Amino acid sequence: MKRVFLSYALGDADFARSLSQALSSDVEVASLETGIPGGEKIGEILRSQMATADVMVVLLSQNALGSPWLQFELGAALGLGVRVLPVYVGDPSTFEADKFDYLLPDQNIIGIHGLSPRLAADRLRDLIMR
């Protein structure tokens, strides 16, 4: 079973939780929200989850631009050589690709705006399994 680390900004948490649930029948999904036992050090948990992930799905939005944690998680994944699937969940009419270039140069960003978490999971599942 593939292991996915799901990274998202706090403002996208509701969608991320629903997406995680929709994916969980086929892949093992982890995130910092789901994987930190009380009293544990976040950096150690993050390294552990990232090191065992096959893919990182990063939800990009206007919220993501202002999230230092999301940027930290993305940097950790890239540093560990984890494959990253950037997914834009915001309104495409406000999408400013250049604002994400410094985070993900030379990456194709997948758009899922307007899709339910179930349909978004269906779209992402094939990409995750590659």
N, C-alpha and C. Protein backbone atom coordinates (compact mmCIF):
# COMPACT_ATOMS: atom_id res chain seq x y z
N MET A 1 0.85 -1.18 0.00
CA MET A 1 0.00 0.00 0.00
C MET A 1 0.89 1.24 0.00
N LYS A 2 0.59 2.18 -0.88
CA LYS A 2 1.36 3.42 -0.95
C LYS A 2 1.10 4.27 0.29
N ARG A 3 2.15 4.98 0.70
CA ARG A 3 2.05 5.90 1.83
C ARG A 3 2.11 7.32 1.29
N VAL A 4 1.14 8.13 1.71
CA VAL A 4 1.03 9.52 1.26
C VAL A 4 1.11 10.43 2.48
N PHE A 5 1.93 11.47 2.35
CA PHE A 5 1.92 12.53 3.35
C PHE A 5 1.13 13.68 2.74
N LEU A 6 0.09 14.12 3.44
CA LEU A 6 -0.78 15.20 2.97
C LEU A 6 -0.42 16.48 3.70
N SER A 7 0.00 17.48 2.94
CA SER A 7 0.39 18.76 3.51
C SER A 7 -0.60 19.83 3.06
N TYR A 8 -1.02 20.64 4.01
CA TYR A 8 -2.02 21.67 3.70
C TYR A 8 -1.96 22.77 4.74
N ALA A 9 -2.49 23.94 4.37
CA ALA A 9 -2.58 25.07 5.29
C ALA A 9 -3.82 24.89 6.16
N LEU A 10 -3.80 25.47 7.33
CA LEU A 10 -4.91 25.36 8.27
C LEU A 10 -6.24 25.77 7.65
N GLY A 11 -6.24 26.78 6.80
CA GLY A 11 -7.47 27.24 6.16
C GLY A 11 -8.08 26.22 5.20
N ASP A 12 -7.31 25.19 4.84
CA ASP A 12 -7.78 24.14 3.94
C ASP A 12 -8.01 22.82 4.67
N ALA A 13 -8.05 22.87 6.00
CA ALA A 13 -8.11 21.65 6.81
C ALA A 13 -9.38 20.83 6.57
N ASP A 14 -10.52 21.46 6.43
CA ASP A 14 -11.76 20.70 6.22
C ASP A 14 -11.70 19.89 4.94
N PHE A 15 -11.27 20.53 3.85
CA PHE A 15 -11.15 19.80 2.59
C PHE A 15 -10.09 18.70 2.71
N ALA A 16 -8.97 19.01 3.36
CA ALA A 16 -7.88 18.03 3.51
C ALA A 16 -8.36 16.80 4.28
N ARG A 17 -9.12 17.01 5.35
CA ARG A 17 -9.64 15.86 6.12
C ARG A 17 -10.55 15.00 5.26
N SER A 18 -11.43 15.63 4.49
CA SER A 18 -12.34 14.88 3.62
C SER A 18 -11.57 14.15 2.52
N LEU A 19 -10.57 14.79 1.95
CA LEU A 19 -9.75 14.17 0.93
C LEU A 19 -8.99 12.98 1.51
N SER A 20 -8.44 13.15 2.69
CA SER A 20 -7.72 12.08 3.36
C SER A 20 -8.63 10.86 3.57
N GLN A 21 -9.84 11.10 4.01
CA GLN A 21 -10.80 10.02 4.20
C GLN A 21 -11.10 9.32 2.88
N ALA A 22 -11.29 10.09 1.82
CA ALA A 22 -11.62 9.52 0.52
C ALA A 22 -10.46 8.70 -0.05
N LEU A 23 -9.24 9.07 0.26
CA LEU A 23 -8.07 8.33 -0.23
C LEU A 23 -7.74 7.11 0.61
N SER A 24 -8.17 7.10 1.86
CA SER A 24 -7.69 6.11 2.82
C SER A 24 -8.08 4.66 2.52
N SER A 25 -9.01 4.44 1.61
CA SER A 25 -9.34 3.05 1.28
C SER A 25 -8.26 2.42 0.41
N ASP A 26 -7.45 3.24 -0.27
CA ASP A 26 -6.43 2.73 -1.18
C ASP A 26 -4.99 3.04 -0.78
N VAL A 27 -4.82 4.08 0.01
CA VAL A 27 -3.47 4.49 0.41
C VAL A 27 -3.47 4.81 1.91
N GLU A 28 -2.31 4.72 2.49
CA GLU A 28 -2.15 5.12 3.89
C GLU A 28 -1.81 6.62 3.89
N VAL A 29 -2.65 7.41 4.53
CA VAL A 29 -2.48 8.87 4.52
C VAL A 29 -2.04 9.34 5.90
N ALA A 30 -0.99 10.15 5.91
CA ALA A 30 -0.51 10.75 7.15
C ALA A 30 -0.41 12.25 6.94
N SER A 31 -0.50 12.98 8.03
CA SER A 31 -0.26 14.42 8.03
C SER A 31 0.20 14.78 9.43
N LEU A 32 0.69 15.98 9.59
CA LEU A 32 1.09 16.37 10.95
C LEU A 32 -0.09 16.37 11.89
N GLU A 33 -1.25 16.71 11.39
CA GLU A 33 -2.44 16.74 12.24
C GLU A 33 -2.79 15.36 12.78
N THR A 34 -2.62 14.33 11.94
CA THR A 34 -3.03 12.98 12.34
C THR A 34 -1.93 12.20 13.03
N GLY A 35 -0.70 12.69 12.99
CA GLY A 35 0.38 11.83 13.44
C GLY A 35 1.24 12.31 14.57
N ILE A 36 0.78 13.20 15.44
CA ILE A 36 1.63 13.70 16.52
C ILE A 36 1.05 13.31 17.87
N PRO A 37 1.61 12.28 18.48
CA PRO A 37 1.17 11.95 19.83
C PRO A 37 1.59 13.07 20.80
N GLY A 38 0.84 13.24 21.85
CA GLY A 38 1.16 14.28 22.83
C GLY A 38 2.57 14.15 23.36
N GLY A 39 3.27 15.27 23.46
CA GLY A 39 4.61 15.30 24.02
C GLY A 39 5.72 14.97 23.04
N GLU A 40 5.39 14.61 21.83
CA GLU A 40 6.40 14.27 20.84
C GLU A 40 6.94 15.53 20.17
N LYS A 41 8.15 15.43 19.65
CA LYS A 41 8.76 16.55 18.94
C LYS A 41 8.30 16.53 17.48
N ILE A 42 7.77 17.65 17.04
CA ILE A 42 7.21 17.73 15.69
C ILE A 42 8.26 17.40 14.63
N GLY A 43 9.45 17.92 14.76
CA GLY A 43 10.49 17.68 13.76
C GLY A 43 10.80 16.20 13.59
N GLU A 44 10.86 15.47 14.69
CA GLU A 44 11.15 14.04 14.61
C GLU A 44 10.01 13.27 13.96
N ILE A 45 8.78 13.62 14.32
CA ILE A 45 7.62 12.97 13.72
C ILE A 45 7.57 13.27 12.22
N LEU A 46 7.80 14.52 11.86
CA LEU A 46 7.78 14.91 10.46
C LEU A 46 8.83 14.14 9.67
N ARG A 47 10.06 14.07 10.17
CA ARG A 47 11.11 13.33 9.47
C ARG A 47 10.73 11.87 9.29
N SER A 48 10.16 11.28 10.32
CA SER A 48 9.75 9.88 10.25
C SER A 48 8.65 9.67 9.21
N GLN A 49 7.63 10.52 9.24
CA GLN A 49 6.54 10.38 8.28
C GLN A 49 7.00 10.65 6.86
N MET A 50 7.84 11.64 6.68
CA MET A 50 8.34 11.96 5.35
C MET A 50 9.25 10.86 4.82
N ALA A 51 10.11 10.34 5.67
CA ALA A 51 11.07 9.32 5.23
C ALA A 51 10.37 8.05 4.76
N THR A 52 9.18 7.78 5.26
CA THR A 52 8.46 6.57 4.87
C THR A 52 7.37 6.84 3.84
N ALA A 53 7.21 8.07 3.42
CA ALA A 53 6.18 8.41 2.42
C ALA A 53 6.68 8.10 1.01
N ASP A 54 5.78 7.58 0.20
CA ASP A 54 6.09 7.39 -1.22
C ASP A 54 5.83 8.67 -2.00
N VAL A 55 4.82 9.41 -1.56
CA VAL A 55 4.38 10.62 -2.26
C VAL A 55 3.92 11.65 -1.23
N MET A 56 4.18 12.91 -1.52
CA MET A 56 3.61 13.99 -0.74
C MET A 56 2.60 14.71 -1.62
N VAL A 57 1.36 14.79 -1.16
CA VAL A 57 0.34 15.58 -1.83
C VAL A 57 0.28 16.90 -1.08
N VAL A 58 0.59 17.99 -1.76
CA VAL A 58 0.58 19.30 -1.12
C VAL A 58 -0.56 20.11 -1.72
N LEU A 59 -1.48 20.54 -0.84
CA LEU A 59 -2.63 21.33 -1.27
C LEU A 59 -2.23 22.80 -1.32
N LEU A 60 -2.25 23.36 -2.51
CA LEU A 60 -1.88 24.75 -2.71
C LEU A 60 -3.13 25.60 -2.82
N SER A 61 -3.07 26.76 -2.20
CA SER A 61 -4.18 27.72 -2.21
C SER A 61 -3.62 29.06 -1.77
N GLN A 62 -4.47 30.05 -1.71
CA GLN A 62 -4.04 31.34 -1.15
C GLN A 62 -3.60 31.13 0.30
N ASN A 63 -4.27 30.25 1.02
CA ASN A 63 -3.89 29.95 2.41
C ASN A 63 -2.46 29.40 2.47
N ALA A 64 -2.10 28.58 1.49
CA ALA A 64 -0.78 27.94 1.49
C ALA A 64 0.35 28.95 1.37
N LEU A 65 0.09 30.03 0.64
CA LEU A 65 1.14 31.03 0.46
C LEU A 65 1.60 31.64 1.78
N GLY A 66 0.70 31.71 2.75
CA GLY A 66 1.04 32.30 4.03
C GLY A 66 1.32 31.29 5.12
N SER A 67 1.51 30.03 4.77
CA SER A 67 1.70 28.98 5.77
C SER A 67 3.16 28.56 5.87
N PRO A 68 3.85 28.98 6.92
CA PRO A 68 5.25 28.56 7.07
C PRO A 68 5.37 27.04 7.28
N TRP A 69 4.39 26.43 7.93
CA TRP A 69 4.45 24.97 8.15
C TRP A 69 4.37 24.22 6.84
N LEU A 70 3.47 24.63 5.96
CA LEU A 70 3.37 23.95 4.67
C LEU A 70 4.69 24.08 3.91
N GLN A 71 5.27 25.25 3.93
CA GLN A 71 6.54 25.45 3.24
C GLN A 71 7.65 24.61 3.88
N PHE A 72 7.63 24.49 5.20
CA PHE A 72 8.60 23.65 5.91
C PHE A 72 8.44 22.19 5.52
N GLU A 73 7.18 21.72 5.50
CA GLU A 73 6.91 20.33 5.13
C GLU A 73 7.34 20.06 3.69
N LEU A 74 7.05 20.99 2.79
CA LEU A 74 7.44 20.84 1.40
C LEU A 74 8.96 20.77 1.26
N GLY A 75 9.65 21.65 1.96
CA GLY A 75 11.11 21.63 1.94
C GLY A 75 11.67 20.32 2.46
N ALA A 76 11.07 19.80 3.53
CA ALA A 76 11.52 18.52 4.09
C ALA A 76 11.33 17.39 3.08
N ALA A 77 10.18 17.37 2.42
CA ALA A 77 9.91 16.32 1.43
C ALA A 77 10.91 16.39 0.28
N LEU A 78 11.14 17.59 -0.23
CA LEU A 78 12.08 17.74 -1.33
C LEU A 78 13.49 17.34 -0.90
N GLY A 79 13.86 17.72 0.32
CA GLY A 79 15.18 17.37 0.85
C GLY A 79 15.36 15.87 1.02
N LEU A 80 14.29 15.15 1.31
CA LEU A 80 14.35 13.70 1.49
C LEU A 80 14.14 12.94 0.18
N GLY A 81 13.89 13.68 -0.89
CA GLY A 81 13.70 13.03 -2.19
C GLY A 81 12.33 12.40 -2.38
N VAL A 82 11.34 12.86 -1.61
CA VAL A 82 9.98 12.33 -1.73
C VAL A 82 9.32 12.97 -2.96
N ARG A 83 8.64 12.17 -3.76
CA ARG A 83 7.93 12.69 -4.92
C ARG A 83 6.79 13.58 -4.45
N VAL A 84 6.65 14.75 -5.06
CA VAL A 84 5.65 15.74 -4.66
C VAL A 84 4.60 15.89 -5.75
N LEU A 85 3.32 15.81 -5.35
CA LEU A 85 2.20 16.10 -6.24
C LEU A 85 1.56 17.40 -5.76
N PRO A 86 1.83 18.51 -6.44
CA PRO A 86 1.21 19.78 -6.05
C PRO A 86 -0.21 19.86 -6.60
N VAL A 87 -1.16 20.16 -5.73
CA VAL A 87 -2.57 20.18 -6.09
C VAL A 87 -3.14 21.54 -5.72
N TYR A 88 -3.71 22.25 -6.71
CA TYR A 88 -4.29 23.56 -6.44
C TYR A 88 -5.77 23.40 -6.13
N VAL A 89 -6.17 23.82 -4.92
CA VAL A 89 -7.55 23.66 -4.48
C VAL A 89 -8.33 24.97 -4.52
N GLY A 90 -7.67 26.05 -4.89
CA GLY A 90 -8.33 27.35 -4.90
C GLY A 90 -9.09 27.62 -6.19
N ASP A 91 -9.71 28.76 -6.23
CA ASP A 91 -10.46 29.22 -7.39
C ASP A 91 -9.49 29.48 -8.54
N PRO A 92 -9.67 28.82 -9.69
CA PRO A 92 -8.73 29.01 -10.79
C PRO A 92 -8.66 30.44 -11.31
N SER A 93 -9.72 31.22 -11.11
CA SER A 93 -9.69 32.60 -11.59
C SER A 93 -8.74 33.46 -10.76
N THR A 94 -8.36 32.99 -9.58
CA THR A 94 -7.42 33.74 -8.74
C THR A 94 -6.05 33.07 -8.68
N PHE A 95 -5.86 32.00 -9.47
CA PHE A 95 -4.61 31.25 -9.44
C PHE A 95 -3.47 32.09 -10.00
N GLU A 96 -2.43 32.21 -9.24
CA GLU A 96 -1.24 32.95 -9.64
C GLU A 96 -0.06 31.99 -9.56
N ALA A 97 0.15 31.25 -10.64
CA ALA A 97 1.16 30.20 -10.67
C ALA A 97 2.54 30.71 -10.27
N ASP A 98 2.87 31.94 -10.65
CA ASP A 98 4.19 32.46 -10.34
C ASP A 98 4.45 32.56 -8.84
N LYS A 99 3.40 32.65 -8.04
CA LYS A 99 3.60 32.72 -6.59
C LYS A 99 4.02 31.38 -6.01
N PHE A 100 3.84 30.32 -6.77
CA PHE A 100 4.25 28.99 -6.31
C PHE A 100 5.55 28.52 -6.96
N ASP A 101 6.06 29.29 -7.93
CA ASP A 101 7.26 28.88 -8.65
C ASP A 101 8.46 28.67 -7.73
N TYR A 102 8.62 29.52 -6.74
CA TYR A 102 9.78 29.37 -5.86
C TYR A 102 9.67 28.11 -5.00
N LEU A 103 8.44 27.65 -4.78
CA LEU A 103 8.24 26.42 -4.00
C LEU A 103 8.43 25.18 -4.87
N LEU A 104 7.90 25.25 -6.08
CA LEU A 104 7.86 24.07 -6.94
C LEU A 104 8.25 24.40 -8.38
N PRO A 105 9.50 24.77 -8.61
CA PRO A 105 9.89 25.07 -9.98
C PRO A 105 9.78 23.82 -10.84
N ASP A 106 9.36 23.99 -12.07
CA ASP A 106 9.29 22.89 -13.04
C ASP A 106 8.31 21.78 -12.65
N GLN A 107 7.29 22.11 -11.89
CA GLN A 107 6.27 21.13 -11.50
C GLN A 107 4.96 21.44 -12.21
N ASN A 108 4.27 20.42 -12.62
CA ASN A 108 2.90 20.59 -13.14
C ASN A 108 1.96 20.58 -11.95
N ILE A 109 1.19 21.63 -11.81
CA ILE A 109 0.26 21.73 -10.69
C ILE A 109 -1.10 21.21 -11.14
N ILE A 110 -1.66 20.30 -10.36
CA ILE A 110 -2.93 19.65 -10.67
C ILE A 110 -4.06 20.48 -10.08
N GLY A 111 -5.04 20.83 -10.87
CA GLY A 111 -6.18 21.61 -10.40
C GLY A 111 -7.36 20.72 -10.05
N ILE A 112 -7.94 20.93 -8.86
CA ILE A 112 -9.11 20.14 -8.46
C ILE A 112 -10.23 21.03 -7.93
N HIS A 113 -10.18 22.32 -8.24
CA HIS A 113 -11.20 23.25 -7.76
C HIS A 113 -12.58 22.80 -8.21
N GLY A 114 -13.53 22.84 -7.30
CA GLY A 114 -14.90 22.50 -7.62
C GLY A 114 -15.21 21.01 -7.53
N LEU A 115 -14.20 20.18 -7.36
CA LEU A 115 -14.45 18.74 -7.22
C LEU A 115 -14.73 18.41 -5.77
N SER A 116 -15.60 17.46 -5.57
CA SER A 116 -15.82 16.96 -4.21
C SER A 116 -14.56 16.22 -3.77
N PRO A 117 -14.37 16.05 -2.46
CA PRO A 117 -13.20 15.28 -2.01
C PRO A 117 -13.13 13.89 -2.65
N ARG A 118 -14.28 13.24 -2.83
CA ARG A 118 -14.31 11.90 -3.45
C ARG A 118 -13.81 11.96 -4.89
N LEU A 119 -14.30 12.91 -5.68
CA LEU A 119 -13.86 13.04 -7.07
C LEU A 119 -12.39 13.48 -7.15
N ALA A 120 -11.98 14.35 -6.24
CA ALA A 120 -10.57 14.76 -6.20
C ALA A 120 -9.69 13.56 -5.89
N ALA A 121 -10.12 12.72 -4.95
CA ALA A 121 -9.36 11.51 -4.60
C ALA A 121 -9.26 10.58 -5.80
N ASP A 122 -10.35 10.44 -6.54
CA ASP A 122 -10.33 9.60 -7.74
C ASP A 122 -9.31 10.11 -8.75
N ARG A 123 -9.27 11.42 -8.92
CA ARG A 123 -8.33 12.03 -9.86
C ARG A 123 -6.87 11.84 -9.41
N LEU A 124 -6.64 11.95 -8.11
CA LEU A 124 -5.29 11.86 -7.57
C LEU A 124 -4.79 10.42 -7.43
N ARG A 125 -5.69 9.50 -7.22
CA ARG A 125 -5.33 8.11 -6.95
C ARG A 125 -4.38 7.54 -8.02
N ASP A 126 -4.72 7.73 -9.30
CA ASP A 126 -3.85 7.21 -10.37
C ASP A 126 -2.47 7.83 -10.32
N LEU A 127 -2.42 9.12 -10.04
CA LEU A 127 -1.12 9.81 -9.97
C LEU A 127 -0.30 9.31 -8.78
N ILE A 128 -0.96 9.04 -7.68
CA ILE A 128 -0.28 8.54 -6.49
C ILE A 128 0.29 7.15 -6.74
N MET A 129 -0.45 6.33 -7.44
CA MET A 129 -0.05 4.94 -7.65
C MET A 129 1.09 4.78 -8.66
N ARG A 130 1.40 5.80 -9.42
CA ARG A 130 2.50 5.71 -10.41
C ARG A 130 3.84 5.55 -9.75
